[in-house]
Every structure is written in structure tokens, then in C-alpha cells.
């Protein structure tokens, strides 16, 4: 969870020779300090700079399903079953399918994050401790 180290949203992903699939679940170890969750998919052959997210392209529906299955299999193989950080795993499961209700929730989390971050900046808190706790008011 990179928010503890350099303020990048927490994420998991899978890279193949041709594609990269990333899920930003965006929380600390406690499930707090949420950033907007979302999926990204890049074609590393045609877009090596990873500038065009093709996750929502209908042509990639089967590819997304295959890469998600590979990611789930890999997590099991390496023992990443979610028990170490259950709050993070809960978020991962909530947004795994990324259907319309999940997307609406992600948009709300985005608005909440912006409000929280602007409040921090208004208070002069330019380096909040994002790596602990569930609320930073």
C-alpha cells in the first residue's frame, strides 16, 4: 500500500507481455484515507507509454475477464488471500466487478476525497498521515 510511503493510491495489478491491468483500491492498511477506486487497462504493444486506459472498451470485455482471472489466481498462488488486511480486501471485493453501483460509489468517494484534501490544505496540513487510521479530520 503505497500511500504509506509516497502518497500513491494503493493498488494491485498484473502485467503480461502485452497488457497491464491495475486496480486502485486506494486505502491504507486500516481501510481508511480512501481515494477513488478504479480499474485501468493498458495495451503495452500499441500504447507503451500507458496513456490510454482501455478498460471500458467493449472490445476488451473478454480480455479484462481473463486478466482478472489471472490476477485472482496469482493472488491465491502467492498467499494474498486478503486475510492480512481485511479492510482492503473488502474494498477490492466491492469494486471487483465495477458495475454501475460500484462506479457511482467510486464517484462519491472521489468527491469525498476532494473535500477532505481541500480541508487538509485549508488547515495547512500538506502532509497528512495517510498511512494510519480511518479518518483525518
N, C-alpha and C. Protein backbone atom coordinates (compact mmCIF):
# COMPACT_ATOMS: atom_id res chain seq x y z
N UNK A 1 0.83 -1.17 0.00
CA UNK A 1 0.00 0.00 0.00
C UNK A 1 0.87 1.23 0.00
N UNK A 2 0.95 1.82 -1.14
CA UNK A 2 1.94 2.85 -1.36
C UNK A 2 1.62 4.18 -0.70
N UNK A 3 0.39 4.38 -0.25
CA UNK A 3 0.08 5.65 0.40
C UNK A 3 0.92 5.82 1.65
N UNK A 4 1.36 4.74 2.23
CA UNK A 4 2.19 4.82 3.42
C UNK A 4 3.58 5.35 3.11
N UNK A 5 3.99 5.27 1.87
CA UNK A 5 5.37 5.58 1.55
C UNK A 5 5.53 6.80 0.65
N UNK A 6 4.72 6.94 -0.37
CA UNK A 6 4.89 8.10 -1.24
C UNK A 6 3.58 8.57 -1.84
N UNK A 7 2.51 8.42 -1.11
CA UNK A 7 1.21 9.01 -1.41
C UNK A 7 0.64 8.64 -2.77
N UNK A 8 0.97 7.47 -3.29
CA UNK A 8 0.30 6.93 -4.47
C UNK A 8 -0.86 6.09 -3.99
N UNK A 9 -2.00 6.15 -4.65
CA UNK A 9 -3.11 5.31 -4.22
C UNK A 9 -2.73 3.83 -4.22
N UNK A 10 -3.18 3.13 -3.20
CA UNK A 10 -2.89 1.70 -3.08
C UNK A 10 -3.50 0.95 -4.25
N UNK A 11 -2.76 -0.06 -4.73
CA UNK A 11 -3.21 -0.77 -5.92
C UNK A 11 -2.62 -2.17 -5.99
N UNK A 12 -3.25 -2.98 -6.81
CA UNK A 12 -2.72 -4.29 -7.19
C UNK A 12 -2.80 -4.37 -8.70
N UNK A 13 -2.06 -5.27 -9.29
CA UNK A 13 -2.12 -5.35 -10.73
C UNK A 13 -1.42 -6.57 -11.27
N UNK A 14 -1.52 -6.69 -12.57
CA UNK A 14 -0.93 -7.80 -13.30
C UNK A 14 -0.38 -7.24 -14.60
N UNK A 15 0.84 -7.62 -14.91
CA UNK A 15 1.45 -7.22 -16.18
C UNK A 15 1.79 -8.47 -16.97
N UNK A 16 1.37 -8.49 -18.22
CA UNK A 16 1.76 -9.56 -19.13
C UNK A 16 2.70 -8.95 -20.17
N UNK A 17 3.09 -9.73 -21.15
CA UNK A 17 3.95 -9.18 -22.21
C UNK A 17 3.22 -8.14 -23.05
N UNK A 18 1.89 -8.20 -23.05
CA UNK A 18 1.13 -7.31 -23.93
C UNK A 18 0.22 -6.32 -23.22
N UNK A 19 -0.12 -6.57 -21.95
CA UNK A 19 -1.10 -5.72 -21.26
C UNK A 19 -0.74 -5.52 -19.79
N UNK A 20 -1.28 -4.44 -19.24
CA UNK A 20 -1.17 -4.19 -17.80
C UNK A 20 -2.56 -3.86 -17.26
N UNK A 21 -2.98 -4.61 -16.25
CA UNK A 21 -4.25 -4.39 -15.58
C UNK A 21 -3.94 -3.95 -14.16
N UNK A 22 -4.54 -2.84 -13.74
CA UNK A 22 -4.30 -2.28 -12.41
C UNK A 22 -5.63 -1.96 -11.76
N UNK A 23 -5.75 -2.31 -10.48
CA UNK A 23 -6.90 -1.85 -9.70
C UNK A 23 -6.39 -0.98 -8.57
N UNK A 24 -6.85 0.26 -8.57
CA UNK A 24 -6.53 1.20 -7.50
C UNK A 24 -7.64 1.10 -6.47
N UNK A 25 -7.34 0.44 -5.35
CA UNK A 25 -8.35 0.35 -4.30
C UNK A 25 -8.23 1.49 -3.32
N UNK A 26 -7.10 2.15 -3.27
CA UNK A 26 -6.93 3.43 -2.62
C UNK A 26 -7.34 3.52 -1.17
N UNK A 27 -6.64 2.82 -0.31
CA UNK A 27 -6.86 2.98 1.13
C UNK A 27 -5.58 2.60 1.85
N UNK A 28 -5.52 2.93 3.13
CA UNK A 28 -4.38 2.49 3.92
C UNK A 28 -4.67 1.10 4.49
N UNK A 29 -3.79 0.60 5.34
CA UNK A 29 -3.96 -0.76 5.87
C UNK A 29 -5.25 -0.93 6.67
N UNK A 30 -5.75 0.17 7.24
CA UNK A 30 -6.96 0.12 8.05
C UNK A 30 -8.24 0.28 7.21
N UNK A 31 -8.08 0.50 5.91
CA UNK A 31 -9.23 0.76 5.06
C UNK A 31 -9.60 2.23 5.04
N UNK A 32 -8.78 3.06 5.66
CA UNK A 32 -9.08 4.49 5.75
C UNK A 32 -8.34 5.30 4.71
N UNK A 33 -8.53 6.58 4.82
CA UNK A 33 -7.97 7.57 3.90
C UNK A 33 -8.17 7.12 2.45
N UNK A 34 -9.46 6.95 2.12
CA UNK A 34 -9.85 6.43 0.81
C UNK A 34 -9.59 7.42 -0.31
N UNK A 35 -9.08 6.90 -1.40
CA UNK A 35 -9.02 7.62 -2.67
C UNK A 35 -9.93 6.87 -3.64
N UNK A 36 -10.31 7.49 -4.74
CA UNK A 36 -11.27 6.83 -5.63
C UNK A 36 -10.76 5.50 -6.18
N UNK A 37 -11.55 4.44 -6.02
CA UNK A 37 -11.17 3.16 -6.61
C UNK A 37 -11.46 3.15 -8.11
N UNK A 38 -10.67 2.38 -8.83
CA UNK A 38 -10.92 2.28 -10.26
C UNK A 38 -9.95 1.33 -10.93
N UNK A 39 -10.37 0.85 -12.09
CA UNK A 39 -9.58 -0.08 -12.89
C UNK A 39 -8.94 0.64 -14.06
N UNK A 40 -7.74 0.19 -14.43
CA UNK A 40 -7.07 0.66 -15.63
C UNK A 40 -6.51 -0.54 -16.38
N UNK A 41 -6.57 -0.46 -17.70
CA UNK A 41 -6.01 -1.50 -18.57
C UNK A 41 -5.26 -0.80 -19.69
N UNK A 42 -4.03 -1.23 -19.92
CA UNK A 42 -3.21 -0.63 -20.97
C UNK A 42 -2.70 -1.70 -21.93
N UNK A 43 -2.69 -1.36 -23.20
CA UNK A 43 -2.12 -2.19 -24.26
C UNK A 43 -0.67 -1.78 -24.39
N UNK A 44 0.24 -2.61 -23.90
CA UNK A 44 1.65 -2.26 -23.85
C UNK A 44 2.33 -2.32 -25.21
N UNK A 45 1.70 -2.96 -26.18
CA UNK A 45 2.26 -3.02 -27.53
C UNK A 45 1.94 -1.73 -28.30
N UNK A 46 0.66 -1.36 -28.30
CA UNK A 46 0.22 -0.19 -29.06
C UNK A 46 0.28 1.11 -28.28
N UNK A 47 0.45 1.02 -26.96
CA UNK A 47 0.48 2.21 -26.09
C UNK A 47 1.51 1.98 -24.98
N UNK A 48 2.79 1.88 -25.34
CA UNK A 48 3.80 1.58 -24.32
C UNK A 48 3.95 2.66 -23.25
N UNK A 49 3.51 3.88 -23.54
CA UNK A 49 3.57 4.95 -22.55
C UNK A 49 2.38 4.92 -21.59
N UNK A 50 1.44 4.00 -21.82
CA UNK A 50 0.27 3.82 -20.96
C UNK A 50 -0.52 5.13 -20.82
N UNK A 51 -0.92 5.68 -21.96
CA UNK A 51 -1.66 6.94 -21.95
C UNK A 51 -3.15 6.78 -22.18
N UNK A 52 -3.58 5.61 -22.69
CA UNK A 52 -5.00 5.40 -22.99
C UNK A 52 -5.50 4.20 -22.20
N UNK A 53 -6.38 4.48 -21.26
CA UNK A 53 -7.00 3.41 -20.46
C UNK A 53 -8.09 2.76 -21.31
N UNK A 54 -7.90 1.48 -21.63
CA UNK A 54 -8.85 0.77 -22.50
C UNK A 54 -9.76 -0.18 -21.71
N UNK A 55 -9.82 -0.02 -20.40
CA UNK A 55 -10.61 -0.92 -19.56
C UNK A 55 -12.08 -0.96 -19.99
N UNK A 56 -12.65 0.19 -20.30
CA UNK A 56 -14.08 0.26 -20.62
C UNK A 56 -14.41 0.01 -22.08
N UNK A 57 -13.42 -0.25 -22.89
CA UNK A 57 -13.66 -0.54 -24.30
C UNK A 57 -14.39 -1.89 -24.40
N UNK A 58 -15.60 -1.91 -24.97
CA UNK A 58 -16.35 -3.17 -25.07
C UNK A 58 -15.59 -4.29 -25.76
N UNK A 59 -14.68 -3.94 -26.66
CA UNK A 59 -13.90 -4.97 -27.35
C UNK A 59 -12.97 -5.72 -26.39
N UNK A 60 -12.73 -5.16 -25.21
CA UNK A 60 -11.79 -5.76 -24.26
C UNK A 60 -12.48 -6.52 -23.13
N UNK A 61 -13.78 -6.73 -23.25
CA UNK A 61 -14.52 -7.40 -22.18
C UNK A 61 -13.92 -8.77 -21.84
N UNK A 62 -13.64 -9.58 -22.84
CA UNK A 62 -13.07 -10.91 -22.58
C UNK A 62 -11.65 -10.82 -22.05
N UNK A 63 -10.88 -9.87 -22.57
CA UNK A 63 -9.51 -9.67 -22.09
C UNK A 63 -9.51 -9.27 -20.62
N UNK A 64 -10.39 -8.35 -20.25
CA UNK A 64 -10.50 -7.93 -18.85
C UNK A 64 -10.84 -9.12 -17.97
N UNK A 65 -11.81 -9.91 -18.39
CA UNK A 65 -12.21 -11.08 -17.59
C UNK A 65 -11.04 -12.06 -17.45
N UNK A 66 -10.30 -12.28 -18.52
CA UNK A 66 -9.15 -13.19 -18.48
C UNK A 66 -8.06 -12.66 -17.56
N UNK A 67 -7.74 -11.38 -17.67
CA UNK A 67 -6.69 -10.81 -16.82
C UNK A 67 -7.10 -10.78 -15.36
N UNK A 68 -8.37 -10.51 -15.09
CA UNK A 68 -8.84 -10.55 -13.70
C UNK A 68 -8.74 -11.97 -13.14
N UNK A 69 -9.06 -12.95 -13.95
CA UNK A 69 -8.94 -14.34 -13.51
C UNK A 69 -7.47 -14.68 -13.23
N UNK A 70 -6.57 -14.22 -14.09
CA UNK A 70 -5.15 -14.44 -13.86
C UNK A 70 -4.68 -13.75 -12.57
N UNK A 71 -5.17 -12.53 -12.35
CA UNK A 71 -4.80 -11.80 -11.14
C UNK A 71 -5.31 -12.53 -9.89
N UNK A 72 -6.55 -13.00 -9.94
CA UNK A 72 -7.11 -13.74 -8.80
C UNK A 72 -6.32 -15.02 -8.55
N UNK A 73 -5.96 -15.72 -9.60
CA UNK A 73 -5.15 -16.94 -9.47
C UNK A 73 -3.78 -16.63 -8.87
N UNK A 74 -3.16 -15.58 -9.35
CA UNK A 74 -1.84 -15.20 -8.84
C UNK A 74 -1.91 -14.86 -7.36
N UNK A 75 -2.93 -14.13 -6.98
CA UNK A 75 -3.08 -13.77 -5.56
C UNK A 75 -3.17 -15.03 -4.71
N UNK A 76 -3.91 -16.01 -5.16
CA UNK A 76 -4.02 -17.25 -4.40
C UNK A 76 -2.68 -17.99 -4.34
N UNK A 77 -1.97 -18.02 -5.46
CA UNK A 77 -0.69 -18.73 -5.51
C UNK A 77 0.34 -18.13 -4.56
N UNK A 78 0.32 -16.81 -4.39
CA UNK A 78 1.33 -16.18 -3.54
C UNK A 78 0.84 -15.96 -2.11
N UNK A 79 -0.38 -16.43 -1.82
CA UNK A 79 -0.90 -16.32 -0.46
C UNK A 79 -1.50 -14.97 -0.13
N UNK A 80 -1.85 -14.20 -1.14
CA UNK A 80 -2.51 -12.91 -0.92
C UNK A 80 -4.01 -13.14 -0.92
N UNK A 81 -4.50 -13.70 0.18
CA UNK A 81 -5.91 -14.08 0.26
C UNK A 81 -6.78 -13.02 0.93
N UNK A 82 -6.18 -11.90 1.29
CA UNK A 82 -6.94 -10.82 1.89
C UNK A 82 -7.04 -10.86 3.39
N UNK A 83 -6.56 -11.91 4.01
CA UNK A 83 -6.70 -12.02 5.47
C UNK A 83 -5.74 -11.10 6.22
N UNK A 84 -4.66 -10.70 5.58
CA UNK A 84 -3.70 -9.83 6.26
C UNK A 84 -4.25 -8.42 6.45
N UNK A 85 -5.01 -7.96 5.48
CA UNK A 85 -5.59 -6.62 5.52
C UNK A 85 -7.05 -6.71 5.09
N UNK A 86 -7.91 -7.18 5.98
CA UNK A 86 -9.31 -7.43 5.60
C UNK A 86 -10.07 -6.19 5.14
N UNK A 87 -9.75 -5.03 5.67
CA UNK A 87 -10.45 -3.81 5.22
C UNK A 87 -10.14 -3.52 3.76
N UNK A 88 -8.91 -3.75 3.36
CA UNK A 88 -8.52 -3.56 1.95
C UNK A 88 -9.20 -4.59 1.07
N UNK A 89 -9.24 -5.82 1.55
CA UNK A 89 -9.87 -6.90 0.77
C UNK A 89 -11.36 -6.62 0.57
N UNK A 90 -12.00 -6.06 1.57
CA UNK A 90 -13.42 -5.73 1.45
C UNK A 90 -13.64 -4.74 0.30
N UNK A 91 -12.77 -3.75 0.20
CA UNK A 91 -12.88 -2.76 -0.87
C UNK A 91 -12.62 -3.43 -2.22
N UNK A 92 -11.60 -4.27 -2.28
CA UNK A 92 -11.29 -4.98 -3.51
C UNK A 92 -12.50 -5.79 -3.99
N UNK A 93 -13.14 -6.50 -3.10
CA UNK A 93 -14.32 -7.30 -3.47
C UNK A 93 -15.49 -6.42 -3.88
N UNK A 94 -15.67 -5.29 -3.19
CA UNK A 94 -16.78 -4.40 -3.51
C UNK A 94 -16.68 -3.84 -4.93
N UNK A 95 -15.46 -3.60 -5.40
CA UNK A 95 -15.28 -2.97 -6.70
C UNK A 95 -14.73 -3.91 -7.77
N UNK A 96 -14.67 -5.21 -7.47
CA UNK A 96 -14.09 -6.16 -8.43
C UNK A 96 -14.83 -6.15 -9.76
N UNK A 97 -16.14 -6.19 -9.73
CA UNK A 97 -16.92 -6.20 -10.98
C UNK A 97 -17.04 -4.81 -11.60
N UNK A 98 -16.97 -3.78 -10.80
CA UNK A 98 -17.03 -2.38 -11.25
C UNK A 98 -18.26 -2.10 -12.10
N UNK A 99 -19.41 -2.53 -11.58
CA UNK A 99 -20.68 -2.29 -12.24
C UNK A 99 -21.16 -0.86 -11.93
N UNK A 100 -22.34 -0.51 -12.39
CA UNK A 100 -22.83 0.86 -12.23
C UNK A 100 -22.94 1.29 -10.76
N UNK A 101 -23.47 0.47 -9.86
CA UNK A 101 -23.49 0.90 -8.45
C UNK A 101 -22.08 1.14 -7.88
N UNK A 102 -21.15 0.29 -8.26
CA UNK A 102 -19.77 0.47 -7.79
C UNK A 102 -19.17 1.75 -8.37
N UNK A 103 -19.44 2.02 -9.62
CA UNK A 103 -18.92 3.24 -10.24
C UNK A 103 -19.52 4.48 -9.59
N UNK A 104 -20.80 4.44 -9.28
CA UNK A 104 -21.43 5.57 -8.59
C UNK A 104 -20.80 5.78 -7.23
N UNK A 105 -20.54 4.69 -6.53
CA UNK A 105 -19.88 4.78 -5.23
C UNK A 105 -18.47 5.36 -5.39
N UNK A 106 -17.75 4.95 -6.42
CA UNK A 106 -16.41 5.48 -6.66
C UNK A 106 -16.44 6.99 -6.91
N UNK A 107 -17.45 7.44 -7.62
CA UNK A 107 -17.59 8.89 -7.86
C UNK A 107 -17.81 9.62 -6.55
N UNK A 108 -18.64 9.06 -5.68
CA UNK A 108 -18.87 9.69 -4.37
C UNK A 108 -17.60 9.71 -3.54
N UNK A 109 -16.84 8.63 -3.57
CA UNK A 109 -15.56 8.58 -2.85
C UNK A 109 -14.62 9.64 -3.39
N UNK A 110 -14.65 9.86 -4.71
CA UNK A 110 -13.82 10.90 -5.32
C UNK A 110 -14.19 12.28 -4.78
N UNK A 111 -15.49 12.56 -4.70
CA UNK A 111 -15.94 13.85 -4.15
C UNK A 111 -15.53 13.99 -2.68
N UNK A 112 -15.71 12.92 -1.93
CA UNK A 112 -15.34 12.94 -0.51
C UNK A 112 -13.84 13.17 -0.33
N UNK A 113 -13.04 12.52 -1.18
CA UNK A 113 -11.59 12.69 -1.12
C UNK A 113 -11.22 14.15 -1.40
N UNK A 114 -11.81 14.73 -2.43
CA UNK A 114 -11.52 16.12 -2.75
C UNK A 114 -11.87 17.04 -1.58
N UNK A 115 -13.05 16.86 -1.01
CA UNK A 115 -13.45 17.67 0.15
C UNK A 115 -12.47 17.51 1.30
N UNK A 116 -12.08 16.27 1.59
CA UNK A 116 -11.15 16.01 2.69
C UNK A 116 -9.80 16.65 2.42
N UNK A 117 -9.31 16.48 1.19
CA UNK A 117 -7.98 17.02 0.86
C UNK A 117 -7.98 18.54 0.89
N UNK A 118 -9.03 19.17 0.38
CA UNK A 118 -9.11 20.63 0.43
C UNK A 118 -9.17 21.11 1.87
N UNK A 119 -9.89 20.39 2.73
CA UNK A 119 -9.93 20.73 4.15
C UNK A 119 -8.56 20.64 4.79
N UNK A 120 -7.82 19.60 4.45
CA UNK A 120 -6.46 19.46 4.97
C UNK A 120 -5.60 20.65 4.54
N UNK A 121 -5.69 20.99 3.28
CA UNK A 121 -4.89 22.10 2.77
C UNK A 121 -5.30 23.42 3.42
N UNK A 122 -6.61 23.62 3.62
CA UNK A 122 -7.08 24.83 4.30
C UNK A 122 -6.52 24.93 5.71
N UNK A 123 -6.33 23.79 6.36
CA UNK A 123 -5.76 23.77 7.72
C UNK A 123 -4.24 23.83 7.70
N UNK A 124 -3.66 23.86 6.52
CA UNK A 124 -2.20 23.90 6.40
C UNK A 124 -1.56 22.53 6.53
N UNK A 125 -2.35 21.48 6.46
CA UNK A 125 -1.83 20.12 6.59
C UNK A 125 -1.46 19.61 5.20
N UNK A 126 -0.22 19.82 4.82
CA UNK A 126 0.24 19.42 3.49
C UNK A 126 0.75 17.99 3.45
N UNK A 127 0.97 17.39 4.61
CA UNK A 127 1.48 16.01 4.68
C UNK A 127 0.70 15.20 5.73
N UNK A 128 -0.59 14.96 5.49
CA UNK A 128 -1.35 14.18 6.47
C UNK A 128 -0.82 12.76 6.57
N UNK A 129 -0.97 12.17 7.72
CA UNK A 129 -0.55 10.78 7.93
C UNK A 129 -1.59 9.86 7.31
N UNK A 130 -1.45 9.63 6.04
CA UNK A 130 -2.43 8.84 5.30
C UNK A 130 -2.32 7.35 5.58
N UNK A 131 -1.24 6.95 6.23
CA UNK A 131 -0.96 5.52 6.39
C UNK A 131 -1.59 4.90 7.62
N UNK A 132 -2.24 5.68 8.46
CA UNK A 132 -2.88 5.13 9.64
C UNK A 132 -4.26 5.72 9.81
N UNK A 133 -5.13 4.95 10.48
CA UNK A 133 -6.44 5.46 10.82
C UNK A 133 -7.42 5.50 9.67
N UNK A 134 -8.66 5.75 10.04
CA UNK A 134 -9.71 5.75 9.04
C UNK A 134 -10.27 7.14 8.80
N UNK A 135 -9.88 8.13 9.59
CA UNK A 135 -10.42 9.47 9.41
C UNK A 135 -9.34 10.49 9.76
N UNK A 136 -9.19 11.47 8.92
CA UNK A 136 -8.19 12.51 9.15
C UNK A 136 -8.87 13.86 9.07
N UNK A 137 -9.61 14.20 10.10
CA UNK A 137 -10.33 15.48 10.12
C UNK A 137 -9.52 16.54 10.81
